[in-house]
Protein backbone atom coordinates (compact mmCIF):
# COMPACT_ATOMS: atom_id res chain seq x y z
CA UNK A 1 -19.83 32.47 -81.32
CA UNK A 2 -16.41 34.06 -81.12
CA UNK A 3 -13.79 33.64 -83.84
CA UNK A 4 -14.72 30.13 -84.88
CA UNK A 5 -14.36 29.07 -88.49
CA UNK A 6 -16.73 26.73 -90.31
CA UNK A 7 -15.43 24.92 -93.34
CA UNK A 8 -17.65 24.51 -96.36
CA UNK A 9 -16.17 21.07 -96.95
CA UNK A 10 -18.31 18.31 -95.44
CA UNK A 11 -16.46 16.45 -92.67
CA UNK A 12 -15.87 12.72 -92.79
CA UNK A 13 -18.54 12.17 -90.13
CA UNK A 14 -21.72 12.74 -92.19
CA UNK A 15 -20.96 10.25 -94.92
CA UNK A 16 -19.53 7.50 -92.80
CA UNK A 17 -19.40 7.38 -89.03
CA UNK A 18 -22.37 9.69 -88.47
CA UNK A 19 -24.65 7.98 -90.96
CA UNK A 20 -23.52 4.37 -90.74
CA UNK A 21 -22.24 3.83 -87.21
CA UNK A 22 -20.49 0.51 -86.71
CA UNK A 23 -22.35 0.01 -83.45
CA UNK A 24 -25.88 1.00 -82.59
CA UNK A 25 -25.84 4.67 -81.62
CA UNK A 26 -26.71 6.06 -78.22
CA UNK A 27 -28.21 9.53 -78.29
CA UNK A 28 -29.69 11.70 -75.58
CA UNK A 29 -32.27 14.40 -75.08
CA UNK A 30 -31.27 16.53 -72.12
CA UNK A 31 -33.79 19.28 -71.33
CA UNK A 32 -33.43 21.72 -68.47
CA UNK A 33 -36.65 21.94 -66.39
CA UNK A 34 -36.56 25.71 -66.11
CA UNK A 35 -39.55 25.85 -68.47
CA UNK A 36 -41.96 23.55 -70.25
CA UNK A 37 -41.01 21.58 -73.35
CA UNK A 38 -40.83 24.22 -76.07
CA UNK A 39 -40.92 23.86 -79.83
CA UNK A 40 -37.14 23.96 -80.28
CA UNK A 41 -36.60 21.34 -77.58
CA UNK A 42 -39.33 19.15 -79.04
CA UNK A 43 -37.67 19.30 -82.48
CA UNK A 44 -34.32 18.32 -80.91
CA UNK A 45 -35.99 15.42 -79.09
CA UNK A 46 -37.68 14.33 -82.34
CA UNK A 47 -34.42 14.37 -84.32
CA UNK A 48 -32.73 12.24 -81.64
CA UNK A 49 -35.71 9.88 -81.58
CA UNK A 50 -35.72 9.50 -85.37
CA UNK A 51 -31.96 8.92 -85.52
CA UNK A 52 -32.07 6.31 -82.75
CA UNK A 53 -34.95 4.46 -84.39
CA UNK A 54 -33.37 4.65 -87.85
CA UNK A 55 -30.33 2.72 -86.62
CA UNK A 56 -32.02 0.65 -83.93
CA UNK A 57 -30.17 2.62 -81.27
CA UNK A 58 -30.99 3.96 -77.82
CA UNK A 59 -32.52 7.27 -76.78
CA UNK A 60 -31.54 8.36 -73.29
CA UNK A 61 -33.57 10.99 -71.42
CA UNK A 62 -31.59 13.12 -69.00
CA UNK A 63 -33.04 15.95 -66.91
CA UNK A 64 -30.47 18.70 -66.38
CA UNK A 65 -31.89 20.03 -63.13
CA UNK A 66 -28.79 21.45 -61.47
CA UNK A 67 -30.23 25.00 -61.58
CA UNK A 68 -31.97 24.56 -58.24
CA UNK A 69 -33.42 28.07 -58.20
CA UNK A 70 -35.25 27.75 -61.52
CA UNK A 71 -35.88 24.00 -61.89
CA UNK A 72 -39.18 22.73 -60.50
CA UNK A 73 -40.93 19.33 -60.34
CA UNK A 74 -43.85 20.89 -62.24
CA UNK A 75 -41.57 21.75 -65.15
CA UNK A 76 -40.12 18.22 -65.14
CA UNK A 77 -43.63 16.80 -65.31
CA UNK A 78 -44.49 19.24 -68.10
CA UNK A 79 -41.50 18.05 -70.14
CA UNK A 80 -42.42 14.40 -69.65
CA UNK A 81 -46.05 15.08 -70.57
CA UNK A 82 -44.96 16.95 -73.68
CA UNK A 83 -42.80 14.06 -74.86
CA UNK A 84 -45.50 11.52 -74.09
CA UNK A 85 -48.10 13.53 -76.00
CA UNK A 86 -45.74 13.75 -78.97
CA UNK A 87 -45.21 9.98 -78.81
CA UNK A 88 -41.46 10.32 -78.26
CA UNK A 89 -40.71 7.38 -76.00
CA UNK A 90 -37.25 7.03 -74.48
CA UNK A 91 -35.31 3.83 -73.86
CA UNK A 92 -33.32 4.80 -70.76
CA UNK A 93 -33.88 7.26 -67.96
CA UNK A 94 -34.89 9.72 -67.02
CA UNK A 95 -31.58 10.38 -65.30
CA UNK A 96 -31.50 13.42 -63.02
CA UNK A 97 -28.28 15.40 -62.74
CA UNK A 98 -29.02 16.34 -59.13
CA UNK A 99 -28.69 12.64 -58.33
CA UNK A 100 -25.31 12.30 -60.09
CA UNK A 101 -23.24 15.05 -58.45
CA UNK A 102 -20.64 12.60 -57.13
CA UNK A 103 -19.86 11.63 -60.74
CA UNK A 104 -19.12 15.25 -61.63
CA UNK A 105 -16.95 15.86 -58.57
CA UNK A 106 -14.97 12.72 -59.36
CA UNK A 107 -14.38 14.00 -62.89
CA UNK A 108 -13.18 17.34 -61.49
CA UNK A 109 -10.81 15.50 -59.15
CA UNK A 110 -9.32 13.62 -62.11
CA UNK A 111 -8.77 16.89 -63.96
CA UNK A 112 -7.08 18.45 -60.93
CA UNK A 113 -4.84 15.40 -60.55
CA UNK A 114 -3.77 15.54 -64.20
CA UNK A 115 -3.21 19.32 -63.89
CA UNK A 116 -5.82 19.99 -66.57
CA UNK A 117 -7.66 22.07 -63.95
CA UNK A 118 -6.71 24.27 -61.01
CA UNK A 119 -8.19 25.88 -57.90
CA UNK A 120 -9.41 29.46 -58.26
CA UNK A 121 -9.61 31.55 -55.08
CA UNK A 122 -10.84 34.75 -56.72
CA UNK A 123 -13.92 36.19 -55.09
CA UNK A 124 -16.99 37.21 -57.05
CA UNK A 125 -16.19 40.88 -56.36
CA UNK A 126 -12.61 40.50 -57.63
CA UNK A 127 -13.80 38.88 -60.83
CA UNK A 128 -16.43 41.56 -61.41
CA UNK A 129 -13.85 44.34 -60.91
CA UNK A 130 -11.46 42.69 -63.36
CA UNK A 131 -14.23 42.32 -65.97
CA UNK A 132 -15.28 45.95 -65.54
CA UNK A 133 -11.67 47.08 -66.01
CA UNK A 134 -11.32 44.97 -69.16
CA UNK A 135 -14.55 46.39 -70.57
CA UNK A 136 -13.35 49.94 -69.86
CA UNK A 137 -10.11 49.18 -71.69
CA UNK A 138 -12.11 47.65 -74.58
CA UNK A 139 -10.73 44.18 -73.94
CA UNK A 140 -12.88 41.01 -73.85
CA UNK A 141 -14.30 40.67 -70.29
CA UNK A 142 -12.84 37.24 -69.56
CA UNK A 143 -11.05 35.58 -66.67
CA UNK A 144 -7.33 36.21 -67.10
CA UNK A 145 -5.96 33.20 -65.28
CA UNK A 146 -4.87 34.92 -62.06
CA UNK A 147 -5.00 31.76 -59.95
CA UNK A 148 -3.51 29.62 -62.69
CA UNK A 149 -0.15 31.09 -61.71
CA UNK A 150 -0.40 29.87 -58.10
CA UNK A 151 1.91 26.98 -57.28
CA UNK A 152 -0.16 23.80 -57.14
CA UNK A 153 1.18 22.74 -53.77
CA UNK A 154 0.30 26.17 -52.38
CA UNK A 155 -3.18 25.98 -53.92
CA UNK A 156 -3.74 22.54 -52.36
CA UNK A 157 -2.60 23.84 -48.97
CA UNK A 158 -4.99 26.81 -49.12
CA UNK A 159 -7.88 24.60 -50.17
CA UNK A 160 -7.13 22.11 -47.39
CA UNK A 161 -7.11 24.99 -44.92
CA UNK A 162 -10.71 25.73 -45.81
CA UNK A 163 -10.32 28.68 -48.14
CA UNK A 164 -13.27 28.75 -50.61
CA UNK A 165 -12.19 27.81 -54.09
CA UNK A 166 -13.77 27.03 -57.42
CA UNK A 167 -12.21 24.64 -59.92
CA UNK A 168 -11.33 26.01 -63.37
CA UNK A 169 -10.23 24.23 -66.53
CA UNK A 170 -6.79 25.24 -67.81
CA UNK A 171 -7.47 26.04 -71.48
CA UNK A 172 -4.35 25.74 -73.68
CA UNK A 173 -2.96 29.22 -74.20
CA UNK A 174 -2.08 28.73 -77.86
CA UNK A 175 -3.42 26.88 -80.88
CA UNK A 176 -7.07 26.13 -81.60
CA UNK A 177 -9.74 23.60 -80.72
CA UNK A 178 -11.56 22.02 -83.64
CA UNK A 179 -14.25 19.43 -84.19
CA UNK A 180 -16.11 17.99 -87.15
CA UNK A 181 -19.80 18.78 -87.06
CA UNK A 182 -22.14 16.47 -88.97
CA UNK A 183 -24.15 19.48 -90.14
CA UNK A 184 -21.78 22.47 -90.30
CA UNK A 185 -18.54 20.76 -91.22
CA UNK A 186 -15.21 21.52 -89.54
CA UNK A 187 -15.53 24.14 -86.79
CA UNK A 188 -12.49 25.78 -85.17
CA UNK A 189 -12.11 28.10 -82.19
CA UNK A 190 -8.91 29.93 -81.24
CA UNK A 191 -7.95 28.86 -77.73
CA UNK A 192 -6.98 32.45 -76.97
CA UNK A 193 -10.70 33.28 -77.24
CA UNK A 194 -11.73 30.64 -74.68
CA UNK A 195 -11.39 31.65 -71.04
CA UNK A 196 -10.48 29.22 -68.26
CA UNK A 197 -14.04 28.14 -67.49
CA UNK A 198 -15.41 27.02 -64.13
CA UNK A 199 -16.02 23.31 -63.55
CA UNK A 200 -17.02 23.36 -59.87
CA UNK A 201 -18.27 26.44 -58.06
CA UNK A 202 -16.77 27.24 -54.66
CA UNK A 203 -19.78 25.56 -53.02
CA UNK A 204 -18.92 22.30 -54.81
CA UNK A 205 -21.81 22.43 -57.30
CA UNK A 206 -20.98 21.49 -60.90
CA UNK A 207 -21.39 23.76 -63.90
CA UNK A 208 -23.08 22.86 -67.17
CA UNK A 209 -19.93 21.96 -69.11
CA UNK A 210 -18.55 19.53 -66.55
CA UNK A 211 -21.86 17.79 -65.83
CA UNK A 212 -22.87 17.25 -69.46
CA UNK A 213 -19.49 15.87 -70.51
CA UNK A 214 -19.19 13.61 -67.45
CA UNK A 215 -22.73 12.36 -68.09
CA UNK A 216 -22.23 11.81 -71.82
CA UNK A 217 -19.03 9.83 -71.16
CA UNK A 218 -20.63 7.77 -68.40
CA UNK A 219 -23.76 7.07 -70.46
CA UNK A 220 -21.64 6.22 -73.53
CA UNK A 221 -23.41 8.77 -75.75
CA UNK A 222 -22.14 8.31 -79.30
CA UNK A 223 -23.95 11.18 -81.08
CA UNK A 224 -24.89 14.57 -79.67
CA UNK A 225 -27.72 16.10 -81.69
CA UNK A 226 -28.71 19.52 -80.36
CA UNK A 227 -29.45 23.13 -81.32
CA UNK A 228 -26.91 25.30 -83.14
CA UNK A 229 -26.90 27.68 -80.18
CA UNK A 230 -24.68 25.07 -78.47
CA UNK A 231 -21.88 25.36 -81.04
CA UNK A 232 -20.12 27.96 -78.89
CA UNK A 233 -20.19 25.52 -75.94
CA UNK A 234 -18.67 22.68 -77.91
CA UNK A 235 -14.94 23.65 -77.88
CA UNK A 236 -14.97 23.70 -74.08
CA UNK A 237 -16.58 20.27 -74.06
CA UNK A 238 -14.11 18.95 -76.65
CA UNK A 239 -11.28 20.07 -74.38
CA UNK A 240 -12.89 18.22 -71.48
CA UNK A 241 -13.28 15.00 -73.50
CA UNK A 242 -9.61 15.11 -74.41
CA UNK A 243 -8.49 15.92 -70.87
CA UNK A 244 -10.57 13.00 -69.55
CA UNK A 245 -9.04 10.74 -72.24
CA UNK A 246 -12.47 9.93 -73.70
CA UNK A 247 -13.34 9.53 -77.40
CA UNK A 248 -15.28 12.38 -78.96
CA UNK A 249 -18.90 11.73 -79.90
CA UNK A 250 -20.26 12.83 -83.25
CA UNK A 251 -21.61 16.36 -82.91
CA UNK A 252 -24.59 17.45 -85.02
CA UNK A 253 -25.88 20.95 -84.42
CA UNK A 254 -29.30 21.57 -85.93
CA UNK A 255 -30.45 25.01 -87.13
CA UNK A 256 -32.45 27.29 -84.88
CA UNK A 257 -36.19 27.86 -85.21
CA UNK A 258 -37.15 31.45 -85.93
CA UNK A 259 -40.43 33.31 -85.92
CA UNK A 260 -41.95 34.72 -89.13
CA UNK A 261 -39.98 37.94 -88.55
CA UNK A 262 -36.74 35.89 -88.61
CA UNK A 263 -36.00 36.50 -84.92
CA UNK A 264 -35.61 33.76 -82.31
CA UNK A 265 -38.96 32.03 -81.73
CA UNK A 266 -40.52 33.37 -78.54
CA UNK A 267 -43.87 33.86 -76.82
CA UNK A 268 -44.52 37.01 -78.82
CA UNK A 269 -44.83 34.78 -81.91
CA UNK A 270 -47.59 32.76 -80.24
CA UNK A 271 -47.51 29.48 -78.35
CA UNK A 272 -44.05 27.99 -77.79
CA UNK A 273 -44.94 25.23 -75.31
CA UNK A 274 -45.70 21.86 -76.88
CA UNK A 275 -48.57 21.32 -74.43
CA UNK A 276 -50.17 24.54 -75.68
CA UNK A 277 -50.52 22.97 -79.13
CA UNK A 278 -52.17 19.94 -77.58
CA UNK A 279 -54.69 22.30 -75.97
CA UNK A 280 -55.29 23.94 -79.35
CA UNK A 281 -56.39 20.62 -80.85
CA UNK A 282 -53.30 19.70 -82.83
CA UNK A 283 -52.93 16.00 -83.71
CA UNK A 284 -49.63 14.63 -82.28
CA UNK A 285 -48.60 12.93 -85.52
CA UNK A 286 -49.26 16.12 -87.50
CA UNK A 287 -47.07 18.06 -85.09
CA UNK A 288 -44.29 15.44 -85.40
CA UNK A 289 -44.46 15.60 -89.20
CA UNK A 290 -44.40 19.41 -89.13
CA UNK A 291 -41.45 19.54 -86.71
CA UNK A 292 -39.45 16.98 -88.68
CA UNK A 293 -39.48 19.22 -91.75
CA UNK A 294 -38.21 22.24 -89.82
CA UNK A 295 -34.54 22.02 -90.68
CA UNK A 296 -34.60 18.57 -92.30
CA UNK A 297 -35.57 17.57 -95.83
CA UNK A 298 -36.39 14.06 -96.94
CA UNK A 299 -33.96 12.82 -99.62
CA UNK A 300 -35.17 13.94 -103.06
CA UNK A 301 -37.17 11.34 -104.91
CA UNK A 302 -36.94 8.71 -102.18
CA UNK A 303 -40.38 9.05 -100.65
CA UNK A 304 -42.59 6.24 -102.02
CA UNK A 305 -46.30 6.55 -102.71
CA UNK A 306 -46.97 5.00 -99.32
CA UNK A 307 -45.50 8.11 -97.70
CA UNK A 308 -48.79 9.88 -98.35
CA UNK A 309 -50.78 7.46 -96.19
CA UNK A 310 -51.07 8.08 -92.49
CA UNK A 311 -52.75 4.78 -91.72
CA UNK A 312 -51.26 1.69 -90.12
CA UNK A 313 -51.74 -1.95 -91.12
CA UNK A 314 -53.83 -2.55 -88.03
CA UNK A 315 -56.24 0.18 -89.02
CA UNK A 316 -56.66 -0.81 -92.67
CA UNK A 317 -57.26 -4.49 -92.10
CA UNK A 318 -60.55 -6.17 -92.85
CA UNK A 319 -63.45 -5.06 -90.72
CA UNK A 320 -62.21 -1.53 -90.00
CA UNK A 321 -62.60 1.80 -91.75
CA UNK A 322 -59.71 2.43 -94.13
CA UNK A 323 -57.57 5.53 -93.79
CA UNK A 324 -57.70 7.94 -96.72
CA UNK A 325 -54.58 9.38 -98.24
CA UNK A 326 -54.30 13.13 -97.67
CA UNK A 327 -52.83 13.73 -101.11
CA UNK A 328 -49.69 13.21 -103.14
CA UNK A 329 -47.57 15.73 -101.20
CA UNK A 330 -44.29 14.20 -100.07
CA UNK A 331 -44.45 16.47 -97.06
CA UNK A 332 -46.93 14.06 -95.50
CA UNK A 333 -44.58 11.55 -93.89
CA UNK A 334 -45.92 9.25 -91.18
CA UNK A 335 -43.60 7.94 -88.50
CA UNK A 336 -42.41 4.84 -90.33
CA UNK A 337 -41.33 6.92 -93.32
CA UNK A 338 -39.68 9.60 -91.21
CA UNK A 339 -37.67 6.92 -89.41
CA UNK A 340 -36.69 5.21 -92.66
CA UNK A 341 -35.61 8.42 -94.38
CA UNK A 342 -34.02 10.37 -91.52
CA UNK A 343 -30.28 11.01 -91.78
CA UNK A 344 -28.04 13.74 -90.38
CA UNK A 345 -26.71 14.75 -93.77
CA UNK A 346 -30.21 15.89 -94.78
CA UNK A 347 -30.28 18.48 -91.99
CA UNK A 348 -30.03 22.03 -93.30
CA UNK A 349 -27.52 24.60 -92.10
CA UNK A 350 -30.09 27.36 -92.55
CA UNK A 351 -32.39 28.35 -89.73
CA UNK A 352 -35.98 27.15 -89.98
CA UNK A 353 -38.99 29.47 -89.82
CA UNK A 354 -42.02 28.45 -87.77
CA UNK A 355 -45.02 28.71 -90.10
CA UNK A 356 -48.24 28.42 -88.12
CA UNK A 357 -50.35 28.29 -91.28
CA UNK A 358 -48.32 25.27 -92.39
CA UNK A 359 -48.89 23.54 -89.06
CA UNK A 360 -52.63 24.10 -89.44
CA UNK A 361 -52.43 22.62 -92.95
CA UNK A 362 -50.69 19.51 -91.63
CA UNK A 363 -53.29 19.20 -88.89
CA UNK A 364 -56.16 19.47 -91.34
CA UNK A 365 -54.59 16.86 -93.62
CA UNK A 366 -54.10 14.37 -90.80
CA UNK A 367 -57.63 14.84 -89.44
CA UNK A 368 -59.05 14.26 -92.90
CA UNK A 369 -56.90 11.19 -93.45
CA UNK A 370 -57.51 9.54 -90.07
CA UNK A 371 -60.30 7.03 -89.80
CA UNK A 372 -63.17 7.93 -87.50
CA UNK A 373 -62.09 5.12 -85.17
CA UNK A 374 -58.66 6.71 -84.82
CA UNK A 375 -60.08 10.17 -84.28
CA UNK A 376 -62.69 9.16 -81.71
CA UNK A 377 -60.39 8.83 -78.64
CA UNK A 378 -58.72 12.13 -79.56
CA UNK A 379 -62.12 13.80 -79.88
CA UNK A 380 -63.29 12.30 -76.60
CA UNK A 381 -60.30 13.95 -74.97
CA UNK A 382 -61.49 17.30 -76.33
CA UNK A 383 -65.03 16.64 -75.08
CA UNK A 384 -63.65 15.97 -71.62
CA UNK A 385 -61.61 19.19 -71.63
CA UNK A 386 -64.56 21.27 -72.88
CA UNK A 387 -67.13 19.55 -70.67
CA UNK A 388 -69.27 18.35 -73.56
CA UNK A 389 -72.00 15.96 -72.32
CA UNK A 390 -72.47 14.12 -75.61
CA UNK A 391 -75.81 12.42 -76.13
CA UNK A 392 -76.65 8.84 -77.00
CA UNK A 393 -77.85 8.37 -80.52
CA UNK A 394 -81.05 6.45 -81.25
CA UNK A 395 -80.84 3.49 -83.59
CA UNK A 396 -81.74 4.42 -87.11
CA UNK A 397 -82.46 2.56 -90.33
CA UNK A 398 -79.61 2.83 -92.79
CA UNK A 399 -80.24 0.16 -95.40
CA UNK A 400 -81.72 -3.19 -96.20
CA UNK A 401 -80.67 -6.50 -94.71
CA UNK A 402 -82.54 -9.56 -95.98
CA UNK A 403 -85.31 -7.28 -97.14
CA UNK A 404 -85.68 -5.50 -93.79
CA UNK A 405 -84.25 -2.15 -92.64
CA UNK A 406 -80.88 -2.55 -90.91
CA UNK A 407 -80.39 -0.63 -87.65
CA UNK A 408 -77.20 1.39 -87.14
CA UNK A 409 -75.67 1.11 -83.67
CA UNK A 410 -74.97 4.14 -81.51
CA UNK A 411 -71.20 3.79 -82.12
CA UNK A 412 -71.63 3.41 -85.87
CA UNK A 413 -73.79 6.53 -85.90
CA UNK A 414 -71.16 8.44 -83.93
CA UNK A 415 -68.39 7.37 -86.30
CA UNK A 416 -70.53 8.31 -89.30
CA UNK A 417 -71.00 11.78 -87.83
CA UNK A 418 -67.24 12.16 -87.36
CA UNK A 419 -66.72 11.14 -90.98
CA UNK A 420 -69.29 13.74 -92.01
CA UNK A 421 -67.53 16.52 -90.11
CA UNK A 422 -63.81 15.81 -90.42
CA UNK A 423 -63.42 17.36 -93.93
CA UNK A 424 -64.40 20.68 -92.31
CA UNK A 425 -62.22 20.37 -89.21
CA UNK A 426 -59.07 22.45 -88.75
CA UNK A 427 -58.36 21.08 -85.29
CA UNK A 428 -59.61 18.49 -82.83
CA UNK A 429 -61.07 21.37 -80.86
CA UNK A 430 -63.66 21.94 -83.58
CA UNK A 431 -65.40 18.71 -82.56
CA UNK A 432 -66.04 20.18 -79.11
CA UNK A 433 -66.74 23.80 -80.11
CA UNK A 434 -67.87 24.49 -83.68
CA UNK A 435 -69.39 21.02 -84.09
CA UNK A 436 -70.72 20.74 -80.54
CA UNK A 437 -74.38 20.59 -81.61
CA UNK A 438 -73.70 17.32 -83.46
CA UNK A 439 -72.78 15.61 -80.20
CA UNK A 440 -74.60 17.50 -77.44
CA UNK A 441 -77.89 19.25 -76.86
CA UNK A 442 -76.05 21.85 -74.79
CA UNK A 443 -74.68 24.33 -77.30
CA UNK A 444 -74.77 28.09 -77.79
CA UNK A 445 -75.92 29.28 -81.21
CA UNK A 446 -73.87 31.82 -83.15
CA UNK A 447 -75.74 35.12 -82.68
CA UNK A 448 -74.59 36.36 -86.10
CA UNK A 449 -75.98 33.26 -87.80
CA UNK A 450 -79.31 33.60 -85.97
CA UNK A 451 -79.52 37.29 -86.85
CA UNK A 452 -78.86 36.55 -90.52
CA UNK A 453 -81.01 33.47 -91.10
CA UNK A 454 -83.65 33.37 -88.33
CA UNK A 455 -84.53 37.04 -87.96
CA UNK A 456 -87.59 36.64 -90.21
CA UNK A 457 -90.57 35.51 -88.15
CA UNK A 458 -92.08 33.82 -91.21
CA UNK A 459 -89.03 31.59 -91.52
CA UNK A 460 -89.20 30.66 -87.83
CA UNK A 461 -92.91 29.77 -88.00
CA UNK A 462 -92.31 27.75 -91.17
CA UNK A 463 -89.51 25.80 -89.50
CA UNK A 464 -91.72 25.03 -86.52
CA UNK A 465 -94.38 23.67 -88.87
CA UNK A 466 -91.71 21.80 -90.85
CA UNK A 467 -90.68 20.09 -87.65
CA UNK A 468 -94.22 18.75 -87.32
CA UNK A 469 -94.03 17.38 -90.85
CA UNK A 470 -90.80 15.55 -90.05
CA UNK A 471 -92.34 14.06 -86.91
CA UNK A 472 -94.71 12.05 -89.08
CA UNK A 473 -92.19 11.15 -91.77
CA UNK A 474 -91.61 7.44 -92.27
CA UNK A 475 -88.74 7.66 -94.79
CA UNK A 476 -86.28 9.69 -92.70
CA UNK A 477 -83.41 9.55 -95.18
CA UNK A 478 -81.48 12.30 -96.95
CA UNK A 479 -83.73 11.97 -99.99
CA UNK A 480 -86.88 11.77 -97.88
CA UNK A 481 -86.09 14.81 -95.72
CA UNK A 482 -85.13 16.91 -98.74
CA UNK A 483 -88.38 16.02 -100.53
CA UNK A 484 -90.45 17.03 -97.51
CA UNK A 485 -88.72 20.42 -97.25
CA UNK A 486 -88.99 21.25 -100.93
CA UNK A 487 -92.63 20.09 -101.12
CA UNK A 488 -93.36 22.19 -98.04
CA UNK A 489 -91.74 25.27 -99.63
CA UNK A 490 -93.75 24.78 -102.81
CA UNK A 491 -96.95 24.34 -100.83
CA UNK A 492 -96.32 27.58 -98.91
CA UNK A 493 -95.11 29.41 -102.02
CA UNK A 494 -91.80 30.33 -100.39
CA UNK A 495 -88.25 29.74 -101.51
CA UNK A 496 -86.46 26.64 -100.24
CA UNK A 497 -83.17 28.54 -99.65
CA UNK A 498 -84.26 30.52 -96.57
CA UNK A 499 -85.75 27.35 -95.07
CA UNK A 500 -82.53 25.40 -95.67
CA UNK A 501 -80.33 28.15 -94.21
CA UNK A 502 -82.64 28.67 -91.25
CA UNK A 503 -82.94 24.95 -90.55
CA UNK A 504 -79.15 24.62 -90.61
CA UNK A 505 -78.84 27.26 -87.89
CA UNK A 506 -81.73 25.78 -85.89
CA UNK A 507 -80.11 22.33 -85.93
CA UNK A 508 -76.43 23.19 -85.50
CA UNK A 509 -76.30 26.74 -84.17
CA UNK A 510 -73.93 27.61 -87.05
CA UNK A 511 -74.34 29.23 -90.45
CA UNK A 512 -71.91 26.81 -92.07
CA UNK A 513 -72.29 23.03 -91.86
CA UNK A 514 -72.41 19.97 -94.12
CA UNK A 515 -75.43 19.30 -96.33
CA UNK A 516 -78.56 20.05 -94.31
CA UNK A 517 -80.11 16.69 -95.07
CA UNK A 518 -76.93 14.84 -94.08
CA UNK A 519 -77.07 16.85 -90.84
CA UNK A 520 -80.63 15.73 -90.25
CA UNK A 521 -79.70 12.11 -90.78
CA UNK A 522 -76.76 12.49 -88.40
CA UNK A 523 -78.91 14.00 -85.64
CA UNK A 524 -81.77 11.58 -86.16
CA UNK A 525 -85.48 12.10 -86.59
CA UNK A 526 -86.37 12.84 -82.98
CA UNK A 527 -83.60 15.41 -82.39
CA UNK A 528 -84.25 17.09 -85.74
CA UNK A 529 -87.92 17.42 -84.94
CA UNK A 530 -87.35 18.74 -81.43
CA UNK A 531 -84.82 21.37 -82.54
CA UNK A 532 -86.98 22.66 -85.40
CA UNK A 533 -89.95 22.96 -83.07
CA UNK A 534 -87.76 24.86 -80.59
CA UNK A 535 -86.46 27.42 -83.08
CA UNK A 536 -88.01 30.29 -81.10
CA UNK A 537 -86.20 29.16 -77.96
CA UNK A 538 -82.89 28.95 -79.83
CA UNK A 539 -83.40 32.45 -81.22
CA UNK A 540 -84.01 33.84 -77.74
CA UNK A 541 -80.93 32.01 -76.47
CA UNK A 542 -78.83 33.60 -79.20
CA UNK A 543 -79.96 37.04 -78.07
CA UNK A 544 -78.94 36.12 -74.53
CA UNK A 545 -75.52 34.93 -75.69
CA UNK A 546 -75.02 38.10 -77.71
CA UNK A 547 -75.96 40.27 -74.72
CA UNK A 548 -73.48 38.47 -72.45
CA UNK A 549 -70.72 38.89 -75.02
């Protein structure tokens, strides 16, 4: 970042203007659609969203699509989908920079008129030769202000005559440019280290620095919260604000996100696109909570007991299933708590490390804490993606009502099954893959589980006969089904363990599942009977699956 200096003394911004703005703040998230929404961009969007909501401000979405060669409509759509999946709604926009070029050219004209900028007639070849010469002489390869020396009247005449010219900003030749950062404190850059940067290319297209500053002034952005990799851009933008006679916003540069090896997070560390985590079955709120704690820490001792609950009043009211608390950890912070606690002065200066195991922990905690009603639409989305044709569940007797058995509806049965399975789920995807047999008759058994627990022909024949016993069972409850199995084992003088393990595989296709008798109740009498009777078919199918693999 050049020869900038960062003071260890906190600036006045964090404790006053940055944290308690006199007017409601206006912040922006400004992605470039040269790629999908990545983890770092999502964290920046989240911090802006939290800050805006904390103060009742406005989040503006701006698409910086001036790189026509790399920006595509598909990438724009991917960014919007990523934000929508994360639940990060914006209040204004999206604004597209390609539709605001006149604003940038007008700003450049103002800078030319005030002599804060000048025309540059140097060709690309001339600039490249000058940079190569500087590099050979071990000097910084920067533009040396050749055209800055041209008389302005002469430059105007040449431009009017049609000679191609870019527009460059005239950086002060002495002194330094400084700004107070709400995270890093006072940051200074020596002006001698800043070259006269291009504002408009010779084809009239704007560069990044001009367009973002013109946009932020026009949109009245009060706080710029972005990645620390933008610190080196900031002195150029500060110079532009001053030259355009506009007040400086509050800058807050957040730490970078690194991979486990402490290098910049990239594809080699795994998924970086937000949408990829949706496809992996991550719960949006878990991902938000995880991202929020990457570079930000909730104020010590301020998180109340309620911070451990991920429910909402609407979901814990009478007549609905209550959310469970995932535990006392103050890392579990639902949206309302994140918004209440979020401040810029709690952002760390140290880079954050992306810990995938931690993300999986958050996901597991949220799945366990969500009510079945809240999980169901998320699970249905996974079923649709995986093509799971889930079956209807027959009514079953679950208790007594006025002395008579009470029937459980199909939906109630489905929700009960989700409640049975969610303590074992690591992702939403499990409900369409590992737990598929609980919702569909079309599932592939695990060949290893079949080989381990159904290889014995005696076990398979016993399970087939056990299925016949269950067909005639009147009390199809957990207690009733367990009694039948254990009585059957005693009658046949065999151990109950192999029958239990084999039945679990026959019913679910997996070696690991909840209590066998809870599984039977979840599947229902008819499906339990049919699957036990068809154990030979399932075993043959497992061999077929293993052969294909």
